[in-house]
């Protein structure tokens, strides 16, 4: 998945329980985010028709994490921007 910010053009790569963020223009890894479950899918979401798209992740226990570009290196247990699909 490609994500553009004001500072860089990023490639988000999901592998097992991690999402790695790579800066394409500067050719360097920015960080690696560890999730509590395996990452199954990356996708874009927006709050409403006029807002920007932001990257999200669906993990194997059916939790969806919104705005993954703002998550620290390890997802905290009390992370607020997530929902569970039953």
N, C-alpha and C. Protein backbone atom coordinates (compact mmCIF):
# COMPACT_ATOMS: atom_id res chain seq x y z
N UNK A 1 0.84 -1.16 0.00
CA UNK A 1 0.00 0.00 0.00
C UNK A 1 0.90 1.23 0.00
N UNK A 2 0.56 2.22 -0.79
CA UNK A 2 1.31 3.48 -0.84
C UNK A 2 0.53 4.54 -0.07
N UNK A 3 1.26 5.29 0.76
CA UNK A 3 0.66 6.35 1.56
C UNK A 3 1.51 7.61 1.41
N UNK A 4 0.90 8.71 1.00
CA UNK A 4 1.64 9.96 0.87
C UNK A 4 1.32 10.87 2.04
N UNK A 5 2.38 11.42 2.64
CA UNK A 5 2.24 12.41 3.69
C UNK A 5 2.88 13.69 3.18
N UNK A 6 2.84 14.72 3.99
CA UNK A 6 3.49 15.97 3.60
C UNK A 6 5.01 15.82 3.56
N UNK A 7 5.53 14.87 4.36
CA UNK A 7 6.98 14.70 4.47
C UNK A 7 7.55 13.64 3.53
N UNK A 8 6.75 12.62 3.18
CA UNK A 8 7.32 11.51 2.41
C UNK A 8 6.26 10.72 1.66
N UNK A 9 6.74 9.85 0.78
CA UNK A 9 5.90 8.86 0.12
C UNK A 9 6.27 7.52 0.73
N UNK A 10 5.30 6.88 1.34
CA UNK A 10 5.58 5.68 2.12
C UNK A 10 4.95 4.44 1.49
N UNK A 11 5.66 3.34 1.64
CA UNK A 11 5.13 2.03 1.26
C UNK A 11 4.89 1.27 2.55
N UNK A 12 3.65 0.84 2.79
CA UNK A 12 3.30 0.07 3.97
C UNK A 12 3.23 -1.39 3.58
N UNK A 13 3.98 -2.23 4.27
CA UNK A 13 4.07 -3.65 3.96
C UNK A 13 3.64 -4.45 5.17
N UNK A 14 2.64 -5.32 5.00
CA UNK A 14 2.17 -6.18 6.08
C UNK A 14 2.86 -7.53 5.98
N UNK A 15 3.39 -8.00 7.12
CA UNK A 15 4.01 -9.32 7.18
C UNK A 15 3.84 -9.89 8.58
N UNK A 16 3.10 -10.98 8.68
CA UNK A 16 2.76 -11.62 9.95
C UNK A 16 2.11 -10.61 10.90
N UNK A 17 2.72 -10.34 12.07
CA UNK A 17 2.14 -9.43 13.06
C UNK A 17 2.69 -8.01 12.93
N UNK A 18 3.33 -7.70 11.82
CA UNK A 18 4.00 -6.41 11.67
C UNK A 18 3.52 -5.67 10.43
N UNK A 19 3.58 -4.35 10.53
CA UNK A 19 3.49 -3.48 9.35
C UNK A 19 4.77 -2.67 9.35
N UNK A 20 5.49 -2.73 8.25
CA UNK A 20 6.72 -1.95 8.10
C UNK A 20 6.45 -0.79 7.17
N UNK A 21 7.01 0.36 7.52
CA UNK A 21 6.81 1.57 6.73
C UNK A 21 8.14 1.98 6.12
N UNK A 22 8.17 2.04 4.78
CA UNK A 22 9.38 2.34 4.03
C UNK A 22 9.20 3.67 3.29
N UNK A 23 10.16 4.58 3.43
CA UNK A 23 10.15 5.86 2.72
C UNK A 23 10.75 5.63 1.33
N UNK A 24 9.92 5.70 0.30
CA UNK A 24 10.36 5.40 -1.06
C UNK A 24 11.34 6.46 -1.58
N UNK A 25 11.09 7.72 -1.31
CA UNK A 25 11.93 8.79 -1.85
C UNK A 25 13.32 8.82 -1.21
N UNK A 26 13.39 8.57 0.08
CA UNK A 26 14.68 8.59 0.79
C UNK A 26 15.29 7.20 0.94
N UNK A 27 14.58 6.19 0.47
CA UNK A 27 15.07 4.82 0.42
C UNK A 27 15.55 4.34 1.79
N UNK A 28 14.64 4.45 2.80
CA UNK A 28 15.00 3.97 4.13
C UNK A 28 13.75 3.51 4.88
N UNK A 29 13.95 2.57 5.80
CA UNK A 29 12.86 2.11 6.66
C UNK A 29 12.60 3.16 7.72
N UNK A 30 11.34 3.51 7.90
CA UNK A 30 10.97 4.49 8.91
C UNK A 30 10.68 3.82 10.25
N UNK A 31 9.91 2.74 10.22
CA UNK A 31 9.63 2.02 11.45
C UNK A 31 8.86 0.74 11.16
N UNK A 32 8.72 -0.07 12.21
CA UNK A 32 8.01 -1.33 12.15
C UNK A 32 7.02 -1.35 13.32
N UNK A 33 5.76 -1.63 13.02
CA UNK A 33 4.71 -1.62 14.03
C UNK A 33 4.28 -3.05 14.32
N UNK A 34 4.30 -3.44 15.59
CA UNK A 34 3.89 -4.79 15.97
C UNK A 34 2.45 -4.77 16.46
N UNK A 35 1.63 -5.67 15.91
CA UNK A 35 0.22 -5.82 16.29
C UNK A 35 0.05 -7.05 17.17
N UNK A 36 -1.03 -7.12 17.96
CA UNK A 36 -1.24 -8.28 18.83
C UNK A 36 -1.62 -9.55 18.05
N UNK A 37 -2.12 -9.40 16.83
CA UNK A 37 -2.53 -10.52 15.98
C UNK A 37 -1.93 -10.34 14.59
N UNK A 38 -2.02 -11.38 13.78
CA UNK A 38 -1.50 -11.31 12.41
C UNK A 38 -2.32 -10.33 11.57
N UNK A 39 -1.63 -9.51 10.78
CA UNK A 39 -2.28 -8.53 9.91
C UNK A 39 -2.76 -9.25 8.65
N UNK A 40 -4.06 -9.17 8.39
CA UNK A 40 -4.66 -9.86 7.24
C UNK A 40 -4.83 -8.95 6.04
N UNK A 41 -5.08 -7.65 6.27
CA UNK A 41 -5.41 -6.77 5.15
C UNK A 41 -5.10 -5.33 5.52
N UNK A 42 -4.58 -4.59 4.54
CA UNK A 42 -4.43 -3.14 4.66
C UNK A 42 -5.43 -2.49 3.71
N UNK A 43 -6.04 -1.40 4.15
CA UNK A 43 -6.99 -0.71 3.29
C UNK A 43 -7.06 0.75 3.70
N UNK A 44 -7.73 1.56 2.87
CA UNK A 44 -7.93 2.98 3.17
C UNK A 44 -9.35 3.22 3.64
N UNK A 45 -9.51 4.19 4.52
CA UNK A 45 -10.82 4.60 5.04
C UNK A 45 -10.81 6.11 5.18
N UNK A 46 -11.98 6.72 5.15
CA UNK A 46 -12.07 8.14 5.48
C UNK A 46 -13.30 8.38 6.33
N UNK A 47 -13.25 9.45 7.12
CA UNK A 47 -14.32 9.73 8.06
C UNK A 47 -15.60 10.15 7.36
N UNK A 48 -15.47 10.93 6.30
CA UNK A 48 -16.64 11.35 5.54
C UNK A 48 -16.21 11.61 4.10
N UNK A 49 -17.14 11.98 3.27
CA UNK A 49 -16.89 12.15 1.83
C UNK A 49 -15.79 13.17 1.55
N UNK A 50 -15.65 14.18 2.38
CA UNK A 50 -14.73 15.28 2.12
C UNK A 50 -13.38 15.13 2.80
N UNK A 51 -13.21 14.16 3.66
CA UNK A 51 -11.95 14.01 4.39
C UNK A 51 -10.94 13.19 3.58
N UNK A 52 -9.69 13.25 4.02
CA UNK A 52 -8.63 12.47 3.38
C UNK A 52 -8.77 10.99 3.74
N UNK A 53 -8.22 10.15 2.87
CA UNK A 53 -8.13 8.73 3.18
C UNK A 53 -6.97 8.49 4.13
N UNK A 54 -7.12 7.54 5.04
CA UNK A 54 -6.02 7.18 5.93
C UNK A 54 -5.92 5.66 5.99
N UNK A 55 -4.70 5.13 6.18
CA UNK A 55 -4.51 3.68 6.15
C UNK A 55 -5.04 2.99 7.41
N UNK A 56 -5.58 1.79 7.20
CA UNK A 56 -6.15 0.98 8.28
C UNK A 56 -5.68 -0.46 8.12
N UNK A 57 -5.83 -1.25 9.19
CA UNK A 57 -5.42 -2.65 9.15
C UNK A 57 -6.50 -3.53 9.77
N UNK A 58 -6.76 -4.66 9.13
CA UNK A 58 -7.62 -5.70 9.67
C UNK A 58 -6.72 -6.83 10.13
N UNK A 59 -6.88 -7.26 11.39
CA UNK A 59 -6.04 -8.34 11.93
C UNK A 59 -6.87 -9.62 12.09
N UNK A 60 -6.20 -10.72 12.36
CA UNK A 60 -6.83 -12.05 12.31
C UNK A 60 -7.97 -12.26 13.31
N UNK A 61 -8.03 -11.51 14.40
CA UNK A 61 -9.16 -11.65 15.34
C UNK A 61 -10.33 -10.72 14.99
N UNK A 62 -10.29 -10.15 13.78
CA UNK A 62 -11.33 -9.26 13.24
C UNK A 62 -11.36 -7.88 13.88
N UNK A 63 -10.29 -7.45 14.51
CA UNK A 63 -10.17 -6.07 14.96
C UNK A 63 -9.69 -5.22 13.78
N UNK A 64 -10.22 -4.02 13.68
CA UNK A 64 -9.79 -3.07 12.65
C UNK A 64 -9.14 -1.89 13.36
N UNK A 65 -7.92 -1.58 12.95
CA UNK A 65 -7.17 -0.45 13.51
C UNK A 65 -7.19 0.68 12.49
N UNK A 66 -7.63 1.84 12.92
CA UNK A 66 -7.74 3.01 12.05
C UNK A 66 -6.53 3.92 12.24
N UNK A 67 -6.12 4.61 11.18
CA UNK A 67 -5.03 5.57 11.28
C UNK A 67 -3.72 4.95 11.72
N UNK A 68 -3.34 3.85 11.07
CA UNK A 68 -2.16 3.12 11.54
C UNK A 68 -0.86 3.90 11.43
N UNK A 69 -0.86 4.96 10.64
CA UNK A 69 0.35 5.77 10.54
C UNK A 69 0.67 6.48 11.85
N UNK A 70 -0.31 6.56 12.76
CA UNK A 70 -0.12 7.23 14.06
C UNK A 70 0.15 6.27 15.21
N UNK A 71 0.20 4.98 14.94
CA UNK A 71 0.43 3.99 15.98
C UNK A 71 1.92 3.94 16.31
N UNK A 72 2.26 3.86 17.60
CA UNK A 72 3.68 3.72 17.96
C UNK A 72 4.23 2.37 17.51
N UNK A 73 5.47 2.06 17.86
CA UNK A 73 6.13 0.84 17.38
C UNK A 73 5.44 -0.45 17.80
N UNK A 74 4.69 -0.40 18.87
CA UNK A 74 3.90 -1.56 19.30
C UNK A 74 2.52 -1.05 19.67
N UNK A 75 1.48 -1.72 19.17
CA UNK A 75 0.12 -1.27 19.42
C UNK A 75 -0.20 -1.43 20.91
N UNK A 76 -0.56 -0.33 21.58
CA UNK A 76 -0.92 -0.44 23.00
C UNK A 76 -2.24 -1.17 23.18
N UNK A 77 -2.40 -1.86 24.30
CA UNK A 77 -3.64 -2.61 24.56
C UNK A 77 -4.86 -1.71 24.62
N UNK A 78 -4.69 -0.47 25.05
CA UNK A 78 -5.81 0.46 25.17
C UNK A 78 -5.93 1.39 23.96
N UNK A 79 -5.43 0.95 22.80
CA UNK A 79 -5.51 1.78 21.59
C UNK A 79 -6.96 2.09 21.27
N UNK A 80 -7.30 3.36 21.14
CA UNK A 80 -8.70 3.78 21.03
C UNK A 80 -9.29 3.67 19.63
N UNK A 81 -8.46 3.84 18.59
CA UNK A 81 -8.99 3.86 17.23
C UNK A 81 -9.06 2.47 16.63
N UNK A 82 -9.86 1.60 17.28
CA UNK A 82 -10.07 0.25 16.76
C UNK A 82 -11.48 -0.19 17.07
N UNK A 83 -11.99 -1.08 16.21
CA UNK A 83 -13.28 -1.70 16.46
C UNK A 83 -13.13 -3.20 16.25
N UNK A 84 -14.04 -3.96 16.84
CA UNK A 84 -14.05 -5.41 16.65
C UNK A 84 -15.29 -5.80 15.85
N UNK A 85 -15.08 -6.68 14.90
CA UNK A 85 -16.19 -7.19 14.08
C UNK A 85 -16.50 -8.59 14.54
N UNK A 86 -17.71 -8.83 14.94
CA UNK A 86 -18.09 -10.18 15.41
C UNK A 86 -18.95 -10.87 14.39
